[in-house]
Amino acid sequence: MTTGYGENRINRLAYLYTMPALLILAAVVLYPFLYNVVISFSNMNLTHFRDWRLVGLRNYIAALSESSFWYFFFKTVLWTFLNLVFHVS
């Protein structure tokens, strides 16, 4: 089945109308996400708020090597699982 000229024009017009909303949504979602990814690889904190530098995976290694991390990780997974079970069933 082929589409006529009018249908293609309507589809392009629909994309044109939704483009501002999609751009704003992308800016509101993507910018904070990418900013947080960059900050997670830096030494930024309250003492290095303006003069932070990238430190690589050091933050992730420190978090994963903490003994309390795995305890709280297990508690979070358990809490999530139990909430899913009781809310869905």
PDB file of N, CA and C in Angstrom:
ATOM      1  N   MET A   1       0.844  -1.171   0.000  1.00  0.00           N
ATOM      2  CA  MET A   1       0.000   0.000   0.000  1.00  0.00           C
ATOM      3  C   MET A   1       0.893   1.239   0.000  1.00  0.00           C
ATOM      4  N   THR A   2       0.607   2.148  -0.850  1.00  0.00           N
ATOM      5  CA  THR A   2       1.409   3.367  -0.941  1.00  0.00           C
ATOM      6  C   THR A   2       0.686   4.495  -0.236  1.00  0.00           C
ATOM      7  N   THR A   3       1.475   5.408   0.270  1.00  0.00           N
ATOM      8  CA  THR A   3       0.890   6.571   0.922  1.00  0.00           C
ATOM      9  C   THR A   3       0.914   7.731  -0.043  1.00  0.00           C
ATOM     10  N   GLY A   4      -0.096   8.530   0.032  1.00  0.00           N
ATOM     11  CA  GLY A   4      -0.183   9.683  -0.851  1.00  0.00           C
ATOM     12  C   GLY A   4       0.646  10.839  -0.336  1.00  0.00           C
ATOM     13  N   TYR A   5       0.691  11.868  -1.144  1.00  0.00           N
ATOM     14  CA  TYR A   5       1.469  13.055  -0.793  1.00  0.00           C
ATOM     15  C   TYR A   5       0.933  13.717   0.465  1.00  0.00           C
ATOM     16  N   GLY A   6      -0.378  13.744   0.618  1.00  0.00           N
ATOM     17  CA  GLY A   6      -0.992  14.395   1.771  1.00  0.00           C
ATOM     18  C   GLY A   6      -0.659  13.705   3.083  1.00  0.00           C
ATOM     19  N   GLU A   7      -0.587  12.380   3.071  1.00  0.00           N
ATOM     20  CA  GLU A   7      -0.266  11.649   4.301  1.00  0.00           C
ATOM     21  C   GLU A   7       1.167  11.911   4.741  1.00  0.00           C
ATOM     22  N   ASN A   8       2.112  11.960   3.815  1.00  0.00           N
ATOM     23  CA  ASN A   8       3.500  12.277   4.167  1.00  0.00           C
ATOM     24  C   ASN A   8       3.609  13.676   4.738  1.00  0.00           C
ATOM     25  N   ARG A   9       2.842  14.604   4.171  1.00  0.00           N
ATOM     26  CA  ARG A   9       2.876  15.977   4.658  1.00  0.00           C
ATOM     27  C   ARG A   9       2.323  16.058   6.077  1.00  0.00           C
ATOM     28  N   ILE A  10       1.271  15.312   6.351  1.00  0.00           N
ATOM     29  CA  ILE A  10       0.690  15.297   7.698  1.00  0.00           C
ATOM     30  C   ILE A  10       1.679  14.679   8.682  1.00  0.00           C
ATOM     31  N   ASN A  11       2.362  13.605   8.290  1.00  0.00           N
ATOM     32  CA  ASN A  11       3.344  12.981   9.176  1.00  0.00           C
ATOM     33  C   ASN A  11       4.487  13.932   9.482  1.00  0.00           C
ATOM     34  N   ARG A  12       4.990  14.645   8.468  1.00  0.00           N
ATOM     35  CA  ARG A  12       6.071  15.606   8.707  1.00  0.00           C
ATOM     36  C   ARG A  12       5.601  16.740   9.600  1.00  0.00           C
ATOM     37  N   LEU A  13       4.377  17.164   9.421  1.00  0.00           N
ATOM     38  CA  LEU A  13       3.828  18.227  10.252  1.00  0.00           C
ATOM     39  C   LEU A  13       3.682  17.759  11.700  1.00  0.00           C
ATOM     40  N   ALA A  14       3.297  16.512  11.897  1.00  0.00           N
ATOM     41  CA  ALA A  14       3.189  15.969  13.255  1.00  0.00           C
ATOM     42  C   ALA A  14       4.556  15.939  13.930  1.00  0.00           C
ATOM     43  N   TYR A  15       5.582  15.526  13.198  1.00  0.00           N
ATOM     44  CA  TYR A  15       6.937  15.542  13.756  1.00  0.00           C
ATOM     45  C   TYR A  15       7.382  16.963  14.068  1.00  0.00           C
ATOM     46  N   LEU A  16       7.030  17.897  13.214  1.00  0.00           N
ATOM     47  CA  LEU A  16       7.402  19.288  13.439  1.00  0.00           C
ATOM     48  C   LEU A  16       6.738  19.833  14.703  1.00  0.00           C
ATOM     49  N   TYR A  17       5.491  19.470  14.938  1.00  0.00           N
ATOM     50  CA  TYR A  17       4.785  19.940  16.125  1.00  0.00           C
ATOM     51  C   TYR A  17       5.311  19.303  17.410  1.00  0.00           C
ATOM     52  N   THR A  18       5.745  18.067  17.348  1.00  0.00           N
ATOM     53  CA  THR A  18       6.229  17.401  18.562  1.00  0.00           C
ATOM     54  C   THR A  18       7.706  17.670  18.839  1.00  0.00           C
ATOM     55  N   MET A  19       8.433  18.217  17.876  1.00  0.00           N
ATOM     56  CA  MET A  19       9.868  18.432  18.044  1.00  0.00           C
ATOM     57  C   MET A  19      10.219  19.337  19.231  1.00  0.00           C
ATOM     58  N   PRO A  20       9.551  20.483  19.459  1.00  0.00           N
ATOM     59  CA  PRO A  20       9.912  21.298  20.628  1.00  0.00           C
ATOM     60  C   PRO A  20       9.761  20.548  21.953  1.00  0.00           C
ATOM     61  N   ALA A  21       8.692  19.790  22.087  1.00  0.00           N
ATOM     62  CA  ALA A  21       8.491  19.028  23.323  1.00  0.00           C
ATOM     63  C   ALA A  21       9.564  17.966  23.486  1.00  0.00           C
ATOM     64  N   LEU A  22       9.933  17.299  22.401  1.00  0.00           N
ATOM     65  CA  LEU A  22      10.974  16.272  22.477  1.00  0.00           C
ATOM     66  C   LEU A  22      12.331  16.880  22.801  1.00  0.00           C
ATOM     67  N   LEU A  23      12.625  18.047  22.244  1.00  0.00           N
ATOM     68  CA  LEU A  23      13.899  18.710  22.543  1.00  0.00           C
ATOM     69  C   LEU A  23      13.967  19.150  24.000  1.00  0.00           C
ATOM     70  N   ILE A  24      12.883  19.690  24.516  1.00  0.00           N
ATOM     71  CA  ILE A  24      12.857  20.101  25.924  1.00  0.00           C
ATOM     72  C   ILE A  24      12.974  18.882  26.830  1.00  0.00           C
ATOM     73  N   LEU A  25      12.263  17.823  26.498  1.00  0.00           N
ATOM     74  CA  LEU A  25      12.347  16.594  27.286  1.00  0.00           C
ATOM     75  C   LEU A  25      13.759  16.030  27.272  1.00  0.00           C
ATOM     76  N   ALA A  26      14.395  16.027  26.113  1.00  0.00           N
ATOM     77  CA  ALA A  26      15.768  15.532  26.019  1.00  0.00           C
ATOM     78  C   ALA A  26      16.706  16.389  26.853  1.00  0.00           C
ATOM     79  N   ALA A  27      16.518  17.702  26.822  1.00  0.00           N
ATOM     80  CA  ALA A  27      17.381  18.581  27.611  1.00  0.00           C
ATOM     81  C   ALA A  27      17.168  18.376  29.103  1.00  0.00           C
ATOM     82  N   VAL A  28      15.924  18.192  29.502  1.00  0.00           N
ATOM     83  CA  VAL A  28      15.616  18.032  30.926  1.00  0.00           C
ATOM     84  C   VAL A  28      16.099  16.683  31.444  1.00  0.00           C
ATOM     85  N   VAL A  29      16.095  15.661  30.602  1.00  0.00           N
ATOM     86  CA  VAL A  29      16.491  14.321  31.038  1.00  0.00           C
ATOM     87  C   VAL A  29      17.967  14.058  30.766  1.00  0.00           C
ATOM     88  N   LEU A  30      18.432  14.352  29.574  1.00  0.00           N
ATOM     89  CA  LEU A  30      19.793  13.979  29.184  1.00  0.00           C
ATOM     90  C   LEU A  30      20.867  14.821  29.859  1.00  0.00           C
ATOM     91  N   TYR A  31      20.666  16.130  29.975  1.00  0.00           N
ATOM     92  CA  TYR A  31      21.700  16.964  30.582  1.00  0.00           C
ATOM     93  C   TYR A  31      22.001  16.548  32.021  1.00  0.00           C
ATOM     94  N   PRO A  32      21.003  16.418  32.904  1.00  0.00           N
ATOM     95  CA  PRO A  32      21.327  15.977  34.268  1.00  0.00           C
ATOM     96  C   PRO A  32      21.942  14.585  34.316  1.00  0.00           C
ATOM     97  N   PHE A  33      21.482  13.681  33.452  1.00  0.00           N
ATOM     98  CA  PHE A  33      22.042  12.332  33.429  1.00  0.00           C
ATOM     99  C   PHE A  33      23.519  12.361  33.049  1.00  0.00           C
ATOM    100  N   LEU A  34      23.850  13.048  31.971  1.00  0.00           N
ATOM    101  CA  LEU A  34      25.250  13.120  31.537  1.00  0.00           C
ATOM    102  C   LEU A  34      26.112  13.869  32.549  1.00  0.00           C
ATOM    103  N   TYR A  35      25.570  14.917  33.161  1.00  0.00           N
ATOM    104  CA  TYR A  35      26.301  15.663  34.183  1.00  0.00           C
ATOM    105  C   TYR A  35      26.621  14.755  35.373  1.00  0.00           C
ATOM    106  N   ASN A  36      25.668  13.951  35.794  1.00  0.00           N
ATOM    107  CA  ASN A  36      25.899  13.038  36.918  1.00  0.00           C
ATOM    108  C   ASN A  36      26.892  11.947  36.578  1.00  0.00           C
ATOM    109  N   VAL A  37      26.904  11.483  35.343  1.00  0.00           N
ATOM    110  CA  VAL A  37      27.901  10.491  34.938  1.00  0.00           C
ATOM    111  C   VAL A  37      29.296  11.097  35.029  1.00  0.00           C
ATOM    112  N   VAL A  38      29.467  12.309  34.530  1.00  0.00           N
ATOM    113  CA  VAL A  38      30.778  12.969  34.596  1.00  0.00           C
ATOM    114  C   VAL A  38      31.180  13.206  36.044  1.00  0.00           C
ATOM    115  N   ILE A  39      30.261  13.694  36.861  1.00  0.00           N
ATOM    116  CA  ILE A  39      30.567  13.982  38.262  1.00  0.00           C
ATOM    117  C   ILE A  39      30.901  12.702  39.024  1.00  0.00           C
ATOM    118  N   SER A  40      30.310  11.580  38.654  1.00  0.00           N
ATOM    119  CA  SER A  40      30.603  10.335  39.367  1.00  0.00           C
ATOM    120  C   SER A  40      32.043   9.883  39.149  1.00  0.00           C
ATOM    121  N   PHE A  41      32.680  10.343  38.092  1.00  0.00           N
ATOM    122  CA  PHE A  41      34.081  10.010  37.830  1.00  0.00           C
ATOM    123  C   PHE A  41      35.020  11.115  38.308  1.00  0.00           C
ATOM    124  N   SER A  42      34.537  12.015  39.156  1.00  0.00           N
ATOM    125  CA  SER A  42      35.368  13.122  39.632  1.00  0.00           C
ATOM    126  C   SER A  42      35.474  13.094  41.153  1.00  0.00           C
ATOM    127  N   ASN A  43      36.286  14.006  41.679  1.00  0.00           N
ATOM    128  CA  ASN A  43      36.435  14.118  43.130  1.00  0.00           C
ATOM    129  C   ASN A  43      35.573  15.249  43.689  1.00  0.00           C
ATOM    130  N   MET A  44      34.507  15.598  43.014  1.00  0.00           N
ATOM    131  CA  MET A  44      33.659  16.707  43.449  1.00  0.00           C
ATOM    132  C   MET A  44      32.957  16.369  44.762  1.00  0.00           C
ATOM    133  N   ASN A  45      33.055  17.288  45.707  1.00  0.00           N
ATOM    134  CA  ASN A  45      32.305  17.227  46.958  1.00  0.00           C
ATOM    135  C   ASN A  45      32.178  18.654  47.470  1.00  0.00           C
ATOM    136  N   LEU A  46      31.755  18.836  48.693  1.00  0.00           N
ATOM    137  CA  LEU A  46      31.562  20.197  49.189  1.00  0.00           C
ATOM    138  C   LEU A  46      32.867  20.969  49.330  1.00  0.00           C
ATOM    139  N   THR A  47      33.992  20.266  49.486  1.00  0.00           N
ATOM    140  CA  THR A  47      35.275  20.970  49.572  1.00  0.00           C
ATOM    141  C   THR A  47      35.908  21.190  48.207  1.00  0.00           C
ATOM    142  N   HIS A  48      35.539  20.393  47.211  1.00  0.00           N
ATOM    143  CA  HIS A  48      36.050  20.559  45.843  1.00  0.00           C
ATOM    144  C   HIS A  48      34.891  20.868  44.898  1.00  0.00           C
ATOM    145  N   PHE A  49      34.073  21.835  45.256  1.00  0.00           N
ATOM    146  CA  PHE A  49      32.887  22.106  44.452  1.00  0.00           C
ATOM    147  C   PHE A  49      33.231  22.810  43.143  1.00  0.00           C
ATOM    148  N   ARG A  50      34.188  23.724  43.178  1.00  0.00           N
ATOM    149  CA  ARG A  50      34.535  24.474  41.971  1.00  0.00           C
ATOM    150  C   ARG A  50      35.795  23.966  41.288  1.00  0.00           C
ATOM    151  N   ASP A  51      36.685  23.336  42.012  1.00  0.00           N
ATOM    152  CA  ASP A  51      37.963  22.909  41.415  1.00  0.00           C
ATOM    153  C   ASP A  51      38.086  21.385  41.394  1.00  0.00           C
ATOM    154  N   TRP A  52      37.052  20.711  40.926  1.00  0.00           N
ATOM    155  CA  TRP A  52      37.075  19.261  40.872  1.00  0.00           C
ATOM    156  C   TRP A  52      37.857  18.794  39.656  1.00  0.00           C
ATOM    157  N   ARG A  53      38.321  17.551  39.738  1.00  0.00           N
ATOM    158  CA  ARG A  53      39.040  16.950  38.610  1.00  0.00           C
ATOM    159  C   ARG A  53      38.601  15.502  38.482  1.00  0.00           C
ATOM    160  N   LEU A  54      38.809  14.942  37.305  1.00  0.00           N
ATOM    161  CA  LEU A  54      38.415  13.560  37.054  1.00  0.00           C
ATOM    162  C   LEU A  54      39.380  12.605  37.741  1.00  0.00           C
ATOM    163  N   VAL A  55      38.839  11.599  38.421  1.00  0.00           N
ATOM    164  CA  VAL A  55      39.666  10.622  39.134  1.00  0.00           C
ATOM    165  C   VAL A  55      39.440   9.207  38.616  1.00  0.00           C
ATOM    166  N   GLY A  56      38.667   9.053  37.566  1.00  0.00           N
ATOM    167  CA  GLY A  56      38.459   7.730  36.980  1.00  0.00           C
ATOM    168  C   GLY A  56      37.519   6.873  37.807  1.00  0.00           C
ATOM    169  N   LEU A  57      37.855   5.608  37.919  1.00  0.00           N
ATOM    170  CA  LEU A  57      37.004   4.639  38.615  1.00  0.00           C
ATOM    171  C   LEU A  57      37.241   4.596  40.122  1.00  0.00           C
ATOM    172  N   ARG A  58      38.026   5.500  40.643  1.00  0.00           N
ATOM    173  CA  ARG A  58      38.373   5.467  42.068  1.00  0.00           C
ATOM    174  C   ARG A  58      37.127   5.493  42.961  1.00  0.00           C
ATOM    175  N   ASN A  59      36.132   6.295  42.622  1.00  0.00           N
ATOM    176  CA  ASN A  59      34.914   6.361  43.437  1.00  0.00           C
ATOM    177  C   ASN A  59      34.165   5.035  43.432  1.00  0.00           C
ATOM    178  N   TYR A  60      34.081   4.405  42.273  1.00  0.00           N
ATOM    179  CA  TYR A  60      33.372   3.126  42.174  1.00  0.00           C
ATOM    180  C   TYR A  60      34.130   2.016  42.899  1.00  0.00           C
ATOM    181  N   ILE A  61      35.435   2.015  42.794  1.00  0.00           N
ATOM    182  CA  ILE A  61      36.237   1.010  43.504  1.00  0.00           C
ATOM    183  C   ILE A  61      36.078   1.181  45.007  1.00  0.00           C
ATOM    184  N   ALA A  62      36.087   2.430  45.469  1.00  0.00           N
ATOM    185  CA  ALA A  62      35.919   2.687  46.903  1.00  0.00           C
ATOM    186  C   ALA A  62      34.537   2.248  47.380  1.00  0.00           C
ATOM    187  N   ALA A  63      33.513   2.514  46.584  1.00  0.00           N
ATOM    188  CA  ALA A  63      32.155   2.131  46.988  1.00  0.00           C
ATOM    189  C   ALA A  63      31.986   0.617  47.006  1.00  0.00           C
ATOM    190  N   LEU A  64      32.513  -0.064  46.004  1.00  0.00           N
ATOM    191  CA  LEU A  64      32.352  -1.517  45.934  1.00  0.00           C
ATOM    192  C   LEU A  64      33.216  -2.254  46.948  1.00  0.00           C
ATOM    193  N   SER A  65      34.278  -1.635  47.419  1.00  0.00           N
ATOM    194  CA  SER A  65      35.131  -2.301  48.402  1.00  0.00           C
ATOM    195  C   SER A  65      34.666  -2.056  49.839  1.00  0.00           C
ATOM    196  N   GLU A  66      33.698  -1.177  50.049  1.00  0.00           N
ATOM    197  CA  GLU A  66      33.122  -0.970  51.380  1.00  0.00           C
ATOM    198  C   GLU A  66      32.335  -2.204  51.782  1.00  0.00           C
ATOM    199  N   SER A  67      32.528  -2.659  53.004  1.00  0.00           N
ATOM    200  CA  SER A  67      31.789  -3.843  53.455  1.00  0.00           C
ATOM    201  C   SER A  67      30.306  -3.541  53.641  1.00  0.00           C
ATOM    202  N   SER A  68      29.964  -2.336  54.032  1.00  0.00           N
ATOM    203  CA  SER A  68      28.553  -2.001  54.246  1.00  0.00           C
ATOM    204  C   SER A  68      27.790  -1.847  52.931  1.00  0.00           C
ATOM    205  N   PHE A  69      28.487  -1.627  51.826  1.00  0.00           N
ATOM    206  CA  PHE A  69      27.816  -1.476  50.537  1.00  0.00           C
ATOM    207  C   PHE A  69      27.005  -2.715  50.199  1.00  0.00           C
ATOM    208  N   TRP A  70      27.606  -3.878  50.348  1.00  0.00           N
ATOM    209  CA  TRP A  70      26.931  -5.119  49.970  1.00  0.00           C
ATOM    210  C   TRP A  70      25.770  -5.427  50.901  1.00  0.00           C
ATOM    211  N   TYR A  71      25.880  -5.072  52.173  1.00  0.00           N
ATOM    212  CA  TYR A  71      24.779  -5.255  53.112  1.00  0.00           C
ATOM    213  C   TYR A  71      23.573  -4.417  52.675  1.00  0.00           C
ATOM    214  N   PHE A  72      23.810  -3.140  52.416  1.00  0.00           N
ATOM    215  CA  PHE A  72      22.715  -2.261  52.018  1.00  0.00           C
ATOM    216  C   PHE A  72      22.223  -2.570  50.603  1.00  0.00           C
ATOM    217  N   PHE A  73      23.098  -3.046  49.751  1.00  0.00           N
ATOM    218  CA  PHE A  73      22.686  -3.471  48.415  1.00  0.00           C
ATOM    219  C   PHE A  73      21.715  -4.644  48.515  1.00  0.00           C
ATOM    220  N   PHE A  74      22.038  -5.627  49.356  1.00  0.00           N
ATOM    221  CA  PHE A  74      21.149  -6.770  49.562  1.00  0.00           C
ATOM    222  C   PHE A  74      19.815  -6.318  50.139  1.00  0.00           C
ATOM    223  N   LYS A  75      19.843  -5.411  51.109  1.00  0.00           N
ATOM    224  CA  LYS A  75      18.604  -4.904  51.703  1.00  0.00           C
ATOM    225  C   LYS A  75      17.748  -4.203  50.650  1.00  0.00           C
ATOM    226  N   THR A  76      18.372  -3.445  49.771  1.00  0.00           N
ATOM    227  CA  THR A  76      17.641  -2.742  48.720  1.00  0.00           C
ATOM    228  C   THR A  76      17.018  -3.714  47.737  1.00  0.00           C
ATOM    229  N   VAL A  77      17.767  -4.731  47.332  1.00  0.00           N
ATOM    230  CA  VAL A  77      17.237  -5.737  46.409  1.00  0.00           C
ATOM    231  C   VAL A  77      16.093  -6.495  47.065  1.00  0.00           C
ATOM    232  N   LEU A  78      16.242  -6.867  48.327  1.00  0.00           N
ATOM    233  CA  LEU A  78      15.183  -7.573  49.048  1.00  0.00           C
ATOM    234  C   LEU A  78      13.934  -6.710  49.170  1.00  0.00           C
ATOM    235  N   TRP A  79      14.090  -5.454  49.548  1.00  0.00           N
ATOM    236  CA  TRP A  79      12.965  -4.533  49.680  1.00  0.00           C
ATOM    237  C   TRP A  79      12.249  -4.366  48.346  1.00  0.00           C
ATOM    238  N   THR A  80      13.006  -4.221  47.261  1.00  0.00           N
ATOM    239  CA  THR A  80      12.411  -4.074  45.934  1.00  0.00           C
ATOM    240  C   THR A  80      11.643  -5.326  45.543  1.00  0.00           C
ATOM    241  N   PHE A  81      12.239  -6.481  45.764  1.00  0.00           N
ATOM    242  CA  PHE A  81      11.582  -7.746  45.424  1.00  0.00           C
ATOM    243  C   PHE A  81      10.285  -7.914  46.212  1.00  0.00           C
ATOM    244  N   LEU A  82      10.331  -7.676  47.515  1.00  0.00           N
ATOM    245  CA  LEU A  82       9.128  -7.838  48.335  1.00  0.00           C
ATOM    246  C   LEU A  82       8.044  -6.846  47.938  1.00  0.00           C
ATOM    247  N   ASN A  83       8.417  -5.627  47.629  1.00  0.00           N
ATOM    248  CA  ASN A  83       7.423  -4.655  47.178  1.00  0.00           C
ATOM    249  C   ASN A  83       6.791  -5.067  45.861  1.00  0.00           C
ATOM    250  N   LEU A  84       7.592  -5.587  44.959  1.00  0.00           N
ATOM    251  CA  LEU A  84       7.037  -6.058  43.687  1.00  0.00           C
ATOM    252  C   LEU A  84       6.075  -7.215  43.904  1.00  0.00           C
ATOM    253  N   VAL A  85       6.459  -8.145  44.753  1.00  0.00           N
ATOM    254  CA  VAL A  85       5.605  -9.309  45.006  1.00  0.00           C
ATOM    255  C   VAL A  85       4.275  -8.876  45.616  1.00  0.00           C
ATOM    256  N   PHE A  86       4.307  -8.021  46.628  1.00  0.00           N
ATOM    257  CA  PHE A  86       3.076  -7.657  47.317  1.00  0.00           C
ATOM    258  C   PHE A  86       2.229  -6.658  46.535  1.00  0.00           C
ATOM    259  N   HIS A  87       2.829  -5.833  45.709  1.00  0.00           N
ATOM    260  CA  HIS A  87       2.040  -4.878  44.944  1.00  0.00           C
ATOM    261  C   HIS A  87       1.456  -5.480  43.673  1.00  0.00           C
ATOM    262  N   VAL A  88       2.141  -6.442  43.098  1.00  0.00           N
ATOM    263  CA  VAL A  88       1.656  -7.036  41.855  1.00  0.00           C
ATOM    264  C   VAL A  88       0.650  -8.142  42.125  1.00  0.00           C
ATOM    265  N   SER A  89       0.880  -8.906  43.190  1.00  0.00           N
ATOM    266  CA  SER A  89      -0.044 -10.024  43.452  1.00  0.00           C
ATOM    267  C   SER A  89      -1.224  -9.604  44.295  1.00  0.00           C
TER     268      SER A  89
END
